[in-house]
Amino acid sequence: MRQSVTVRAPAKVNLQLAVGPLREDGYHDLATVFHAVGLYDDVIAEPAEDIAVTLAEPDPEVPLDEGNLAVRAANALAEATGIAEGVHLRLVKRIPVAAGLAGGSADAAATLVACDALWGTALSREELAGIAATLGSDVPFALLGGTAIGTGRGTLLSPVLGRGEFHWVLAVAAEGLSTPTVYAECDRLRHAAGVEVPEPAVDDALMAALRSGDAKALGAALSNDLQDAAVGLRPALAQTLGAAAELGALGAIVSGSGPTVAFLVRSPEAAIDVAVGLTAMGLCRDVKRAGGPVPGAKVLRT
């Protein structure tokens, strides 16, 4: 057995998030376009008697029990393969917590890859993706990376072939948002407005922008059905979104269920300018710069 495996997995931005009507099982059908960006968590897996997780830097917002997706991922892989081994998972977190960037899902995907290598279970990526789909809507994409359309609950993936690289500035809010709370607020707003919610579909203009590598067109096509709900729960996000034009960004969107706002910019140099501007405005707790698309979970060292 290997003595240590380190796996890195990326954050994601939803370029589009179309949310269908509330289903009887409490979920929603989605049509989303995932985009992996160069902001990463690392998972270091080492042999142990039991399955346990620790953090390289303590964070009270990150649970260290079954509430942690990495622990659930290790347990799920062990159950699926009949492995009776333990593992110590050390998380090096750079993706902000509860920020709409799928940091927990990245940890789960990295854990699946790391434990598969550590335990020698030799599952295919398709088999790992099947386990990932039981853990959460974003976990299969954290395995895949790149840019992809997600349907169903977001776990049915179709890779998108696009051109070029896109540049992002991520404005991280001071407080996180609960994904179930944002979805519930979206449902409440829709019910109050009496609107008939259509079945979700991917936007043709957005897909054309990705195929052509046209950043300006992509900025105009960004959309998120959860954005109004996130702004309703965190009104300060409206000011952050409104800063896009002033700072010269091509577009801005709440990522996933928020509260991170992702700004699409023209170049790495423009990303520096926007990051400095956001910091000067005091509109967010932290600012990250990242390019995309990038690959999904991958082994760094064994």
Protein backbone atom coordinates (compact mmCIF):
# COMPACT_ATOMS: atom_id res chain seq x y z
CA MET A 1 0.00 0.00 0.00
CA ARG A 2 1.17 3.52 -0.78
CA GLN A 3 2.20 5.61 2.22
CA SER A 4 0.64 8.86 0.99
CA VAL A 5 -1.37 10.18 -1.97
CA THR A 6 -1.98 13.88 -2.64
CA VAL A 7 -4.84 14.89 -4.95
CA ARG A 8 -5.83 18.40 -6.05
CA ALA A 9 -9.37 19.39 -7.13
CA PRO A 10 -10.70 22.73 -8.41
CA ALA A 11 -13.46 25.15 -7.52
CA LYS A 12 -16.28 25.78 -9.97
CA VAL A 13 -18.33 28.66 -11.26
CA ASN A 14 -21.78 28.12 -12.75
CA LEU A 15 -21.86 30.06 -16.01
CA GLN A 16 -25.56 29.31 -16.15
CA LEU A 17 -27.84 27.81 -13.53
CA ALA A 18 -31.39 27.22 -14.73
CA VAL A 19 -33.59 25.79 -11.97
CA GLY A 20 -36.76 23.89 -12.82
CA PRO A 21 -39.93 23.54 -10.72
CA LEU A 22 -39.79 21.99 -7.26
CA ARG A 23 -40.19 18.22 -7.56
CA GLU A 24 -42.17 16.00 -5.23
CA ASP A 25 -38.92 14.61 -3.81
CA GLY A 26 -37.81 18.11 -2.78
CA TYR A 27 -35.18 18.48 -5.51
CA HIS A 28 -35.18 20.53 -8.72
CA ASP A 29 -34.22 19.55 -12.23
CA LEU A 30 -31.29 21.69 -13.37
CA ALA A 31 -29.68 22.78 -16.59
CA THR A 32 -26.33 24.21 -15.62
CA VAL A 33 -23.01 24.94 -17.25
CA PHE A 34 -20.15 24.14 -14.88
CA HIS A 35 -16.77 25.79 -15.35
CA ALA A 36 -13.74 24.64 -13.32
CA VAL A 37 -11.40 27.45 -12.26
CA GLY A 38 -7.85 27.48 -10.94
CA LEU A 39 -8.57 27.73 -7.23
CA TYR A 40 -7.84 24.44 -5.50
CA ASP A 41 -8.14 22.29 -2.40
CA ASP A 42 -5.65 19.47 -1.79
CA VAL A 43 -6.40 16.19 -0.02
CA ILE A 44 -3.51 14.18 1.42
CA ALA A 45 -4.54 10.58 2.14
CA GLU A 46 -2.46 8.35 4.42
CA PRO A 47 -3.06 4.85 5.85
CA ALA A 48 -4.87 4.77 9.20
CA GLU A 49 -6.94 2.41 11.31
CA ASP A 50 -10.13 4.44 10.91
CA ILE A 51 -11.50 7.03 8.49
CA ALA A 52 -10.77 10.50 9.86
CA VAL A 53 -10.18 14.02 8.60
CA THR A 54 -8.08 16.93 9.83
CA LEU A 55 -7.37 20.39 8.45
CA ALA A 56 -3.95 21.81 7.66
CA GLU A 57 -5.30 25.07 9.10
CA PRO A 58 -8.16 24.83 11.64
CA ASP A 59 -11.48 26.28 10.50
CA PRO A 60 -14.56 26.11 12.77
CA GLU A 61 -16.82 26.20 9.70
CA VAL A 62 -15.50 22.86 8.44
CA PRO A 63 -16.90 19.76 10.23
CA LEU A 64 -14.54 16.94 11.08
CA ASP A 65 -17.14 14.16 11.25
CA GLU A 66 -19.71 12.64 8.87
CA GLY A 67 -20.84 16.17 8.08
CA ASN A 68 -17.65 16.51 6.02
CA LEU A 69 -18.09 15.38 2.41
CA ALA A 70 -14.55 14.02 2.33
CA VAL A 71 -15.37 11.58 5.15
CA ARG A 72 -18.58 10.58 3.40
CA ALA A 73 -16.66 10.05 0.16
CA ALA A 74 -14.12 7.74 1.82
CA ASN A 75 -16.90 5.76 3.51
CA ALA A 76 -18.83 5.49 0.24
CA LEU A 77 -15.79 4.20 -1.66
CA ALA A 78 -14.99 1.70 1.09
CA GLU A 79 -18.58 0.42 1.08
CA ALA A 80 -18.74 0.20 -2.71
CA THR A 81 -15.50 -1.78 -2.97
CA GLY A 82 -15.66 -3.85 0.23
CA ILE A 83 -12.47 -2.27 1.52
CA ALA A 84 -11.95 -2.49 5.29
CA GLU A 85 -9.02 -0.05 5.38
CA GLY A 86 -8.98 3.27 7.16
CA VAL A 87 -7.56 6.55 5.94
CA HIS A 88 -6.37 9.82 7.43
CA LEU A 89 -7.43 12.70 5.19
CA ARG A 90 -5.60 15.99 5.63
CA LEU A 91 -7.34 18.84 3.84
CA VAL A 92 -5.46 21.88 2.58
CA LYS A 93 -8.31 24.27 1.89
CA ARG A 94 -7.97 27.29 -0.38
CA ILE A 95 -11.54 27.27 -1.71
CA PRO A 96 -13.74 29.38 0.61
CA VAL A 97 -16.37 27.49 2.62
CA ALA A 98 -20.12 27.85 1.89
CA ALA A 99 -19.31 30.24 -0.94
CA GLY A 100 -21.03 28.66 -3.96
CA LEU A 101 -17.68 27.45 -5.30
CA ALA A 102 -18.13 23.74 -4.45
CA GLY A 103 -15.19 23.47 -2.06
CA GLY A 104 -16.75 20.56 -0.18
CA SER A 105 -17.48 18.80 -3.46
CA ALA A 106 -13.88 19.33 -4.57
CA ASP A 107 -12.72 17.69 -1.33
CA ALA A 108 -15.05 14.75 -1.91
CA ALA A 109 -13.85 14.26 -5.48
CA ALA A 110 -10.21 14.50 -4.42
CA THR A 111 -10.87 11.99 -1.64
CA LEU A 112 -12.37 9.47 -4.07
CA VAL A 113 -9.31 9.70 -6.33
CA ALA A 114 -6.86 9.64 -3.40
CA CYS A 115 -8.44 6.67 -1.64
CA ASP A 116 -8.78 4.76 -4.91
CA ALA A 117 -5.02 5.16 -5.39
CA LEU A 118 -4.13 4.53 -1.73
CA TRP A 119 -6.29 1.41 -1.41
CA GLY A 120 -5.55 0.11 -4.90
CA THR A 121 -9.22 -0.28 -5.78
CA ALA A 122 -8.46 0.68 -9.41
CA LEU A 123 -11.93 1.98 -10.25
CA SER A 124 -12.51 3.73 -13.56
CA ARG A 125 -13.43 7.42 -13.63
CA GLU A 126 -16.96 6.35 -14.65
CA GLU A 127 -17.23 4.13 -11.57
CA LEU A 128 -15.89 6.91 -9.34
CA ALA A 129 -18.41 9.31 -10.92
CA GLY A 130 -21.22 6.93 -10.03
CA ILE A 131 -20.18 7.05 -6.37
CA ALA A 132 -19.69 10.82 -6.62
CA ALA A 133 -23.29 11.28 -7.79
CA THR A 134 -24.54 9.79 -4.50
CA LEU A 135 -22.61 12.42 -2.53
CA GLY A 136 -23.84 15.68 -4.08
CA SER A 137 -24.79 17.48 -7.26
CA ASP A 138 -21.36 19.10 -7.78
CA VAL A 139 -19.10 16.14 -6.91
CA PRO A 140 -19.11 14.41 -10.33
CA PHE A 141 -18.09 17.67 -12.01
CA ALA A 142 -15.22 18.17 -9.55
CA LEU A 143 -13.92 14.82 -10.83
CA LEU A 144 -14.36 15.80 -14.48
CA GLY A 145 -13.34 19.47 -14.54
CA GLY A 146 -13.16 21.59 -17.68
CA THR A 147 -16.51 22.98 -18.79
CA ALA A 148 -19.59 20.77 -18.85
CA ILE A 149 -23.36 20.83 -19.06
CA GLY A 150 -25.06 19.31 -16.03
CA THR A 151 -28.65 18.06 -16.13
CA GLY A 152 -30.95 16.17 -13.80
CA ARG A 153 -29.72 17.20 -10.37
CA GLY A 154 -26.52 18.38 -12.08
CA THR A 155 -24.87 14.96 -11.95
CA LEU A 156 -25.49 13.99 -15.59
CA LEU A 157 -22.56 15.59 -17.39
CA SER A 158 -21.76 16.38 -21.01
CA PRO A 159 -18.34 17.98 -21.63
CA VAL A 160 -18.37 21.26 -23.55
CA LEU A 161 -15.69 21.84 -26.16
CA GLY A 162 -14.81 25.52 -26.05
CA ARG A 163 -11.98 27.77 -27.14
CA GLY A 164 -9.38 29.61 -25.12
CA GLU A 165 -9.09 30.57 -21.48
CA PHE A 166 -11.34 32.84 -19.45
CA HIS A 167 -10.22 35.05 -16.58
CA TRP A 168 -12.15 35.49 -13.35
CA VAL A 169 -12.11 37.57 -10.19
CA LEU A 170 -14.01 36.00 -7.29
CA ALA A 171 -15.44 38.33 -4.64
CA VAL A 172 -15.86 36.24 -1.48
CA ALA A 173 -18.49 37.54 0.96
CA ALA A 174 -17.97 37.78 4.70
CA GLU A 175 -20.63 35.16 5.48
CA GLY A 176 -21.56 31.98 3.67
CA LEU A 177 -24.99 30.95 2.44
CA SER A 178 -26.75 27.63 2.93
CA THR A 179 -27.61 26.01 -0.39
CA PRO A 180 -30.96 24.58 0.87
CA THR A 181 -31.88 28.01 2.23
CA VAL A 182 -31.22 29.69 -1.12
CA TYR A 183 -33.26 27.11 -3.02
CA ALA A 184 -36.13 27.51 -0.53
CA GLU A 185 -36.03 31.29 -1.00
CA CYS A 186 -36.07 30.84 -4.78
CA ASP A 187 -39.19 28.65 -4.45
CA ARG A 188 -40.80 31.21 -2.13
CA LEU A 189 -40.15 34.09 -4.52
CA ARG A 190 -41.56 32.14 -7.44
CA HIS A 191 -44.66 31.14 -5.50
CA ALA A 192 -45.22 34.73 -4.36
CA ALA A 193 -44.91 35.97 -7.95
CA GLY A 194 -47.27 33.30 -9.23
CA VAL A 195 -44.97 32.48 -12.15
CA GLU A 196 -45.10 29.23 -14.07
CA VAL A 197 -41.59 27.80 -13.94
CA PRO A 198 -40.44 26.31 -17.25
CA GLU A 199 -38.33 23.19 -17.59
CA PRO A 200 -34.66 24.24 -17.46
CA ALA A 201 -32.63 24.49 -20.66
CA VAL A 202 -29.11 25.59 -21.55
CA ASP A 203 -28.86 28.98 -23.25
CA ASP A 204 -27.83 28.85 -26.93
CA ALA A 205 -26.06 32.23 -26.74
CA LEU A 206 -23.87 31.04 -23.87
CA MET A 207 -22.92 27.86 -25.72
CA ALA A 208 -22.04 29.87 -28.83
CA ALA A 209 -19.82 32.15 -26.74
CA LEU A 210 -17.97 29.15 -25.32
CA ARG A 211 -17.49 27.57 -28.74
CA SER A 212 -16.05 30.80 -30.15
CA GLY A 213 -14.06 31.76 -27.06
CA ASP A 214 -15.77 35.18 -27.09
CA ALA A 215 -15.37 36.51 -23.53
CA LYS A 216 -17.53 39.58 -24.15
CA ALA A 217 -20.43 37.45 -25.41
CA LEU A 218 -19.97 35.05 -22.51
CA GLY A 219 -20.16 37.92 -20.03
CA ALA A 220 -23.48 39.02 -21.54
CA ALA A 221 -24.89 35.47 -21.38
CA LEU A 222 -24.11 34.64 -17.72
CA SER A 223 -27.30 33.75 -15.81
CA ASN A 224 -28.36 32.23 -12.50
CA ASP A 225 -31.95 31.54 -11.43
CA LEU A 226 -30.81 31.52 -7.78
CA GLN A 227 -29.31 35.01 -7.97
CA ASP A 228 -32.43 36.93 -6.90
CA ALA A 229 -32.85 34.59 -3.92
CA ALA A 230 -29.21 35.01 -2.89
CA VAL A 231 -29.45 38.79 -3.17
CA GLY A 232 -32.69 38.75 -1.17
CA LEU A 233 -30.92 36.89 1.63
CA ARG A 234 -27.75 39.01 1.34
CA PRO A 235 -28.80 42.46 0.02
CA ALA A 236 -25.18 43.66 -0.02
CA LEU A 237 -24.59 41.37 -3.00
CA ALA A 238 -26.54 43.83 -5.18
CA GLN A 239 -23.83 46.43 -4.66
CA THR A 240 -21.11 43.89 -5.44
CA LEU A 241 -22.84 42.86 -8.66
CA GLY A 242 -23.35 46.51 -9.54
CA ALA A 243 -19.63 47.17 -9.35
CA ALA A 244 -19.02 45.13 -12.52
CA ALA A 245 -19.65 47.99 -14.95
CA GLU A 246 -17.72 50.51 -12.89
CA LEU A 247 -14.70 48.20 -12.72
CA GLY A 248 -14.78 47.32 -16.42
CA ALA A 249 -15.74 43.66 -15.99
CA LEU A 250 -17.40 41.88 -18.92
CA GLY A 251 -20.04 40.40 -16.64
CA ALA A 252 -20.77 39.34 -13.08
CA ILE A 253 -22.82 36.54 -11.58
CA VAL A 254 -23.53 34.99 -8.20
CA SER A 255 -21.81 31.60 -8.36
CA GLY A 256 -24.18 28.72 -7.64
CA SER A 257 -26.12 29.37 -4.46
CA GLY A 258 -23.70 32.17 -3.52
CA PRO A 259 -22.65 34.35 -1.97
CA THR A 260 -19.44 34.59 -4.04
CA VAL A 261 -19.75 36.92 -7.03
CA ALA A 262 -17.70 35.89 -10.06
CA PHE A 263 -16.50 38.70 -12.35
CA LEU A 264 -15.50 37.77 -15.89
CA VAL A 265 -12.67 40.01 -17.17
CA ARG A 266 -10.70 40.42 -20.40
CA SER A 267 -7.22 39.40 -19.29
CA PRO A 268 -4.96 38.58 -16.33
CA GLU A 269 -3.98 42.26 -16.21
CA ALA A 270 -7.64 43.30 -16.06
CA ALA A 271 -8.16 40.76 -13.27
CA ILE A 272 -5.53 42.55 -11.17
CA ASP A 273 -7.27 45.90 -11.75
CA VAL A 274 -10.69 44.51 -10.82
CA ALA A 275 -9.31 42.76 -7.73
CA VAL A 276 -7.66 45.97 -6.56
CA GLY A 277 -10.88 47.91 -7.20
CA LEU A 278 -13.02 45.46 -5.26
CA THR A 279 -10.60 45.51 -2.35
CA ALA A 280 -10.60 49.33 -2.33
CA MET A 281 -14.41 49.39 -2.33
CA GLY A 282 -14.55 47.08 0.69
CA LEU A 283 -17.36 45.07 -0.87
CA CYS A 284 -16.12 41.61 0.12
CA ARG A 285 -14.04 39.72 2.67
CA ASP A 286 -11.53 38.37 0.19
CA VAL A 287 -10.71 38.48 -3.51
CA LYS A 288 -9.35 35.58 -5.57
CA ARG A 289 -8.13 35.51 -9.18
CA ALA A 290 -8.40 32.38 -11.29
CA GLY A 291 -8.42 31.19 -14.88
CA GLY A 292 -10.54 28.50 -16.44
CA PRO A 293 -11.28 25.95 -17.58
CA VAL A 294 -8.91 23.64 -15.67
CA PRO A 295 -8.86 19.84 -15.22
CA GLY A 296 -10.77 18.03 -12.48
CA ALA A 297 -9.35 16.07 -9.55
CA LYS A 298 -5.86 14.76 -10.28
CA VAL A 299 -3.06 13.03 -8.40
CA LEU A 300 -0.15 15.35 -7.60
CA ARG A 301 2.13 12.85 -5.88
CA THR A 302 2.22 9.37 -4.37
